Amino acid sequence: MPFMSLFTPPAINPPATDNRDTSEDAITRLTNAIHDADTIVVGAGSGMSTSAGYTYSGERFERYFSDFVNTYGIGDMYSGGFAEYPDLNTYWAWWSRHIYINRYMAPPKDTYGLLRSLLDGHDYTVITTNVDHCFQRAGFPDDRLFCTQGDYGLFQSSRTGTSRTYDNERDVKRMLLAQGFTFAHMTADTADDWGELIAADEAGGWAGIGMTIPDDLIPYCPDDGFPMAPNLRCDDTFAEDETWHECAERYQSFLDTRRACEADGSRTLFLDLGSGGNTPIIFKFPFMQWTSVNRNATYASINLGEAVTAPQIADRSILIDADIDTTLRNIASRG
């Protein structure tokens, strides 16, 4: 199977079957499928991080972006990432907050660590559209991960055709300090873990918080002089760096060597955790396609309100319409 097939539309009908189940029977079936699988291919989408507490709206959003809400009418972090700001100073004030709380602050729940403990001892790989580094933070080995859509922890040139990325932790922290924010564990070294970003309401109010950064903190690419941008796949400027290509090749090799996607291939569990509607072509549809090809494969989805499958594989699908964190804890409790 050529690598490009991972990102081309699969020859399978769009999902139509939604025999979702929150019963003990479905959880028992998934528990057994994890135990019995020769190979597990995990796909993790935005629902996984939402379940872990990385919510993009509501109280958590208001806690760090009330000034942007009042000034620009932004309703959540997702839409704020696509908003038009008057200048780069404001753009990076937004993005430094967005990056820090969704990349350098730990998620409220250890959902990813729970998943890692369930996969320990199994032959598995992970493909994810999430860019928040939660798998790495939870101790997943780098050689088991393929993060297809980028990394909040990296900058890249905003110019099309670049392939280099740059760590951004020090820059992001300096931007936040310039806005007036403080941190739970601030030290003299910006490379240290500074912990939680203290919300304005807990540190003297919003009057001391700015919505811009100084000109000298605006990042520019050292290679071409263009303004930097977050390393996120949102248009054709996305930089697939050397590490990205290494991870892609490793993922493809895993699928090939385990014969996960072949007729009468290995006993494979394709485990879909919280895939969203924006990028189903990355792993949701391929998982269904490969399950239809491999008669020894099972497709499982834990996805609150969105657990669906294709009719061709309904008899080999496990659909759990429930919170991911709660479901994983239920599975773990069964030993």
Protein backbone atom coordinates (compact mmCIF):
# COMPACT_ATOMS: atom_id res chain seq x y z
CA MET A 1 0.00 0.00 0.00
CA PRO A 2 1.63 3.28 -1.07
CA PHE A 3 2.01 5.93 1.61
CA MET A 4 -0.16 8.49 -0.19
CA SER A 5 -3.13 6.17 0.26
CA LEU A 6 -3.19 7.30 3.87
CA PHE A 7 -4.42 10.70 2.77
CA THR A 8 -6.62 9.88 -0.23
CA PRO A 9 -10.38 9.17 -0.03
CA PRO A 10 -11.06 5.53 0.79
CA ALA A 11 -13.28 3.40 -1.42
CA ILE A 12 -15.99 3.03 1.19
CA ASN A 13 -19.37 4.64 1.64
CA PRO A 14 -19.57 7.55 4.09
CA PRO A 15 -20.46 6.55 7.65
CA ALA A 16 -24.13 5.75 7.92
CA THR A 17 -24.59 3.26 10.72
CA ASP A 18 -24.88 4.61 14.23
CA ASN A 19 -25.80 1.68 16.42
CA ARG A 20 -24.21 3.49 19.32
CA ASP A 21 -24.14 1.80 22.67
CA THR A 22 -23.19 2.80 26.20
CA SER A 23 -24.08 -0.58 27.63
CA GLU A 24 -21.84 -2.84 29.61
CA ASP A 25 -21.94 -5.24 26.65
CA ALA A 26 -20.21 -2.74 24.33
CA ILE A 27 -17.55 -1.94 26.91
CA THR A 28 -17.00 -5.64 27.52
CA ARG A 29 -16.59 -6.21 23.78
CA LEU A 30 -14.03 -3.42 23.56
CA THR A 31 -12.17 -4.68 26.63
CA ASN A 32 -11.93 -8.11 25.02
CA ALA A 33 -10.92 -6.65 21.66
CA ILE A 34 -8.01 -4.78 23.27
CA HIS A 35 -6.93 -7.93 25.10
CA ASP A 36 -7.18 -10.20 22.06
CA ALA A 37 -5.69 -7.92 19.38
CA ASP A 38 -2.34 -8.77 17.81
CA THR A 39 -2.05 -5.16 16.68
CA ILE A 40 -3.74 -1.94 17.82
CA VAL A 41 -3.84 1.18 15.67
CA VAL A 42 -5.07 4.17 17.66
CA GLY A 43 -6.46 7.29 16.04
CA ALA A 44 -7.03 10.24 18.36
CA GLY A 45 -8.97 13.37 17.48
CA SER A 46 -10.13 16.49 19.24
CA GLY A 47 -12.64 14.59 21.35
CA MET A 48 -9.78 12.88 23.17
CA SER A 49 -8.27 16.14 24.38
CA THR A 50 -11.69 17.60 25.15
CA SER A 51 -12.35 14.61 27.37
CA ALA A 52 -8.99 15.23 29.08
CA GLY A 53 -10.11 18.77 29.91
CA TYR A 54 -8.65 20.81 27.07
CA THR A 55 -11.96 22.52 26.38
CA TYR A 56 -12.01 25.42 23.92
CA SER A 57 -15.10 27.23 25.20
CA GLY A 58 -16.90 28.03 28.42
CA GLU A 59 -15.17 28.79 31.70
CA ARG A 60 -11.68 27.79 30.60
CA PHE A 61 -11.89 30.04 27.55
CA GLU A 62 -13.30 32.99 29.50
CA ARG A 63 -10.59 32.59 32.12
CA TYR A 64 -7.81 33.50 29.71
CA PHE A 65 -9.52 35.39 26.89
CA SER A 66 -12.21 37.63 28.43
CA ASP A 67 -10.52 40.72 27.01
CA PHE A 68 -10.54 39.27 23.48
CA VAL A 69 -14.20 38.31 23.92
CA ASN A 70 -15.13 41.86 24.91
CA THR A 71 -13.00 43.56 22.25
CA TYR A 72 -13.39 41.28 19.24
CA GLY A 73 -16.50 39.25 20.03
CA ILE A 74 -14.63 35.94 19.78
CA GLY A 75 -16.75 33.05 21.04
CA ASP A 76 -14.23 30.26 21.60
CA MET A 77 -10.60 29.33 21.10
CA TYR A 78 -11.19 27.54 17.82
CA SER A 79 -12.76 30.56 16.11
CA GLY A 80 -10.16 32.83 17.69
CA GLY A 81 -7.46 30.95 15.85
CA PHE A 82 -8.98 32.07 12.54
CA ALA A 83 -9.86 35.62 13.55
CA GLU A 84 -8.30 38.62 11.82
CA TYR A 85 -6.31 40.83 14.18
CA PRO A 86 -5.19 44.40 13.48
CA ASP A 87 -1.47 43.61 13.65
CA LEU A 88 1.10 40.96 14.52
CA ASN A 89 1.40 42.38 18.03
CA THR A 90 -2.22 41.42 18.75
CA TYR A 91 -2.02 38.20 16.74
CA TRP A 92 0.81 36.92 18.92
CA ALA A 93 -0.86 38.09 22.13
CA TRP A 94 -3.72 35.76 21.22
CA TRP A 95 -1.58 32.89 20.01
CA SER A 96 0.87 32.95 22.93
CA ARG A 97 -2.03 32.40 25.34
CA HIS A 98 -3.64 29.80 23.09
CA ILE A 99 -0.39 27.87 22.70
CA TYR A 100 0.64 27.99 26.34
CA ILE A 101 -2.59 26.76 27.92
CA ASN A 102 -3.08 24.02 25.30
CA ARG A 103 0.53 22.84 25.04
CA TYR A 104 2.65 23.81 28.04
CA MET A 105 0.01 23.46 30.76
CA ALA A 106 -0.96 19.91 31.72
CA PRO A 107 -4.52 18.86 30.88
CA PRO A 108 -6.83 18.68 33.91
CA LYS A 109 -7.32 14.90 33.62
CA ASP A 110 -4.82 12.11 32.99
CA THR A 111 -6.84 10.59 30.15
CA TYR A 112 -3.77 10.09 27.97
CA GLY A 113 -1.84 8.41 30.77
CA LEU A 114 -4.78 6.08 31.29
CA LEU A 115 -4.74 5.15 27.61
CA ARG A 116 -0.99 4.49 27.75
CA SER A 117 -1.45 2.10 30.68
CA LEU A 118 -4.14 0.21 28.74
CA LEU A 119 -1.81 -0.12 25.74
CA ASP A 120 1.30 -1.16 27.69
CA GLY A 121 2.42 -4.60 26.58
CA HIS A 122 0.55 -4.37 23.27
CA ASP A 123 1.94 -3.90 19.78
CA TYR A 124 0.49 -0.51 18.88
CA THR A 125 0.95 2.73 17.01
CA VAL A 126 -0.84 6.09 17.23
CA ILE A 127 -1.93 8.58 14.59
CA THR A 128 -3.41 11.83 15.86
CA THR A 129 -4.74 15.08 14.50
CA ASN A 130 -4.18 16.72 17.89
CA VAL A 131 -1.39 19.28 18.17
CA ASP A 132 -1.24 19.66 21.95
CA HIS A 133 1.62 17.25 22.83
CA CYS A 134 -0.60 15.30 25.25
CA PHE A 135 0.68 11.92 24.08
CA GLN A 136 4.29 12.93 24.67
CA ARG A 137 3.44 14.47 28.05
CA ALA A 138 1.81 11.17 29.08
CA GLY A 139 4.99 9.24 28.27
CA PHE A 140 4.14 7.70 24.92
CA PRO A 141 7.35 6.86 23.04
CA ASP A 142 8.03 9.16 20.10
CA ASP A 143 8.55 6.20 17.79
CA ARG A 144 4.91 5.16 18.26
CA LEU A 145 3.44 8.57 17.35
CA PHE A 146 2.48 10.27 14.11
CA CYS A 147 1.14 13.79 14.74
CA THR A 148 -0.14 14.66 11.30
CA GLN A 149 -1.39 18.21 11.81
CA GLY A 150 1.56 19.89 13.53
CA ASP A 151 2.55 20.92 17.05
CA TYR A 152 1.59 23.96 19.10
CA GLY A 153 5.15 23.86 20.45
CA LEU A 154 6.70 24.72 17.09
CA PHE A 155 6.95 27.84 14.93
CA GLN A 156 7.50 27.83 11.19
CA SER A 157 7.79 30.44 8.48
CA SER A 158 4.49 31.79 7.19
CA ARG A 159 5.87 31.47 3.66
CA THR A 160 4.73 28.58 1.46
CA GLY A 161 7.29 25.88 0.74
CA THR A 162 9.26 25.81 3.99
CA SER A 163 10.18 22.61 5.78
CA ARG A 164 11.91 23.74 8.99
CA THR A 165 10.34 24.23 12.40
CA TYR A 166 11.57 25.89 15.59
CA ASP A 167 10.84 25.29 19.29
CA ASN A 168 8.79 28.15 20.70
CA GLU A 169 8.55 27.68 24.49
CA ARG A 170 10.90 30.52 25.43
CA ASP A 171 9.31 32.92 22.94
CA VAL A 172 5.78 32.13 24.09
CA LYS A 173 6.65 32.70 27.73
CA ARG A 174 8.27 36.04 26.96
CA MET A 175 5.15 37.14 25.09
CA LEU A 176 2.98 36.24 28.06
CA LEU A 177 5.22 38.08 30.49
CA ALA A 178 5.04 41.14 28.24
CA GLN A 179 1.23 41.04 28.48
CA GLY A 180 1.42 41.04 32.27
CA PHE A 181 0.72 37.38 33.03
CA THR A 182 2.39 35.40 35.80
CA PHE A 183 2.94 31.68 36.25
CA ALA A 184 2.57 29.18 39.07
CA HIS A 185 6.24 28.14 39.11
CA MET A 186 8.17 30.89 37.38
CA THR A 187 11.98 30.65 37.44
CA ALA A 188 14.81 32.61 35.87
CA ASP A 189 15.06 30.04 33.04
CA THR A 190 12.31 30.14 30.42
CA ALA A 191 13.14 26.53 29.51
CA ASP A 192 11.89 25.33 32.91
CA ASP A 193 8.36 24.09 33.50
CA TRP A 194 6.54 27.18 34.74
CA GLY A 195 3.29 25.35 35.37
CA GLU A 196 -0.11 26.95 35.18
CA LEU A 197 -0.68 30.35 33.62
CA ILE A 198 -2.32 32.43 36.33
CA ALA A 199 -5.62 33.89 35.17
CA ALA A 200 -6.00 37.66 35.36
CA ASP A 201 -8.91 37.40 37.79
CA GLU A 202 -6.60 35.63 40.24
CA ALA A 203 -3.70 38.07 39.89
CA GLY A 204 -5.00 41.62 40.24
CA GLY A 205 -7.59 41.76 37.47
CA TRP A 206 -7.63 42.41 33.73
CA ALA A 207 -6.49 46.02 34.09
CA GLY A 208 -2.90 44.79 34.28
CA ILE A 209 -3.14 42.55 31.20
CA GLY A 210 -2.33 43.83 27.72
CA MET A 211 -3.64 42.54 24.40
CA THR A 212 -0.46 43.15 22.41
CA ILE A 213 3.22 42.27 22.59
CA PRO A 214 6.19 44.59 21.82
CA ASP A 215 7.61 44.70 18.30
CA ASP A 216 10.86 43.11 19.42
CA LEU A 217 9.04 39.92 20.51
CA ILE A 218 7.34 39.33 17.15
CA PRO A 219 9.04 36.19 15.77
CA TYR A 220 10.53 36.17 12.29
CA CYS A 221 11.97 33.18 10.47
CA PRO A 222 15.78 33.13 10.56
CA ASP A 223 15.86 31.48 7.13
CA ASP A 224 13.70 33.77 5.00
CA GLY A 225 12.82 36.75 7.21
CA PHE A 226 9.07 36.17 6.93
CA PRO A 227 6.88 36.39 10.05
CA MET A 228 6.60 33.11 11.91
CA ALA A 229 3.33 31.19 12.31
CA PRO A 230 2.25 28.27 14.50
CA ASN A 231 3.09 24.90 12.95
CA LEU A 232 -0.52 23.94 12.20
CA ARG A 233 -2.00 22.39 9.08
CA CYS A 234 -4.53 25.07 8.18
CA ASP A 235 -3.42 25.89 4.61
CA ASP A 236 -0.70 25.13 2.04
CA THR A 237 2.01 26.86 4.12
CA PHE A 238 2.15 23.97 6.61
CA ALA A 239 5.75 22.81 7.12
CA GLU A 240 6.25 19.06 7.09
CA ASP A 241 9.68 18.96 8.68
CA GLU A 242 12.16 16.08 8.82
CA THR A 243 10.61 14.68 12.00
CA TRP A 244 7.15 14.72 10.43
CA HIS A 245 8.36 12.63 7.48
CA GLU A 246 10.18 10.18 9.75
CA CYS A 247 6.99 9.66 11.77
CA ALA A 248 4.91 9.22 8.60
CA GLU A 249 7.27 6.56 7.27
CA ARG A 250 7.28 4.76 10.62
CA TYR A 251 3.48 4.71 10.73
CA GLN A 252 3.29 3.34 7.19
CA SER A 253 5.91 0.72 7.97
CA PHE A 254 3.96 -0.39 11.05
CA LEU A 255 0.82 -0.93 9.00
CA ASP A 256 2.72 -2.79 6.29
CA THR A 257 4.77 -5.09 8.50
CA ARG A 258 1.74 -6.08 10.61
CA ARG A 259 -0.40 -6.60 7.51
CA ALA A 260 -3.07 -4.59 9.31
CA CYS A 261 -4.68 -3.40 6.09
CA GLU A 262 -4.59 -6.62 4.06
CA ALA A 263 -7.14 -9.34 3.52
CA ASP A 264 -6.72 -12.01 6.20
CA GLY A 265 -4.13 -9.77 7.88
CA SER A 266 -3.27 -9.60 11.54
CA ARG A 267 -5.97 -9.47 14.21
CA THR A 268 -6.08 -5.68 14.30
CA LEU A 269 -8.09 -3.27 16.43
CA PHE A 270 -8.56 0.12 14.81
CA LEU A 271 -9.44 2.29 17.81
CA ASP A 272 -10.97 5.68 16.99
CA LEU A 273 -10.94 8.03 19.98
CA GLY A 274 -12.85 11.25 19.42
CA SER A 275 -12.34 11.84 15.70
CA GLY A 276 -13.93 15.09 14.59
CA GLY A 277 -15.76 16.09 11.45
CA ASN A 278 -13.01 18.34 10.07
CA THR A 279 -10.45 15.70 9.13
CA PRO A 280 -12.11 12.26 8.80
CA ILE A 281 -9.81 11.45 5.88
CA ILE A 282 -6.78 11.31 8.20
CA PHE A 283 -7.76 8.16 10.09
CA LYS A 284 -11.53 7.73 10.56
CA PHE A 285 -12.38 6.78 6.99
CA PRO A 286 -9.11 4.86 6.43
CA PHE A 287 -9.76 2.82 9.60
CA MET A 288 -13.16 1.84 8.24
CA GLN A 289 -11.73 1.04 4.81
CA TRP A 290 -8.96 -1.12 6.23
CA THR A 291 -11.42 -2.95 8.49
CA SER A 292 -13.53 -3.78 5.42
CA VAL A 293 -10.43 -5.22 3.70
CA ASN A 294 -8.99 -7.13 6.66
CA ARG A 295 -11.52 -9.73 7.74
CA ASN A 296 -9.67 -10.14 11.04
CA ALA A 297 -9.97 -6.45 11.96
CA THR A 298 -12.35 -4.65 14.28
CA TYR A 299 -13.25 -0.96 14.17
CA ALA A 300 -14.08 0.63 17.53
CA SER A 301 -15.15 4.21 18.19
CA ILE A 302 -15.56 5.99 21.51
CA ASN A 303 -17.03 9.34 20.59
CA LEU A 304 -19.69 11.23 22.51
CA GLY A 305 -22.48 11.96 20.03
CA GLU A 306 -20.42 10.96 16.97
CA ALA A 307 -19.77 7.22 17.20
CA VAL A 308 -20.65 5.98 13.71
CA THR A 309 -19.41 3.38 11.28
CA ALA A 310 -19.87 2.29 7.67
CA PRO A 311 -22.64 -0.22 6.94
CA GLN A 312 -20.17 -2.63 5.31
CA ILE A 313 -18.46 -3.25 8.66
CA ALA A 314 -21.35 -2.85 11.09
CA ASP A 315 -20.95 -6.45 12.29
CA ARG A 316 -17.28 -5.79 13.15
CA SER A 317 -17.73 -2.39 14.77
CA ILE A 318 -17.98 -1.40 18.41
CA LEU A 319 -19.62 2.00 18.87
CA ILE A 320 -19.64 3.62 22.29
CA ASP A 321 -21.53 6.91 22.59
CA ALA A 322 -19.92 8.12 25.79
CA ASP A 323 -17.17 10.23 27.30
CA ILE A 324 -13.70 8.85 26.46
CA ASP A 325 -12.17 9.40 29.89
CA THR A 326 -15.09 7.73 31.66
CA THR A 327 -15.05 4.79 29.24
CA LEU A 328 -11.30 4.21 29.53
CA ARG A 329 -11.59 4.23 33.32
CA ASN A 330 -14.37 1.67 33.08
CA ILE A 331 -12.16 -0.55 30.93
CA ALA A 332 -9.17 -0.12 33.25
CA SER A 333 -11.27 -1.07 36.27
CA ARG A 334 -11.84 -4.48 34.75
CA GLY A 335 -8.16 -5.34 35.07
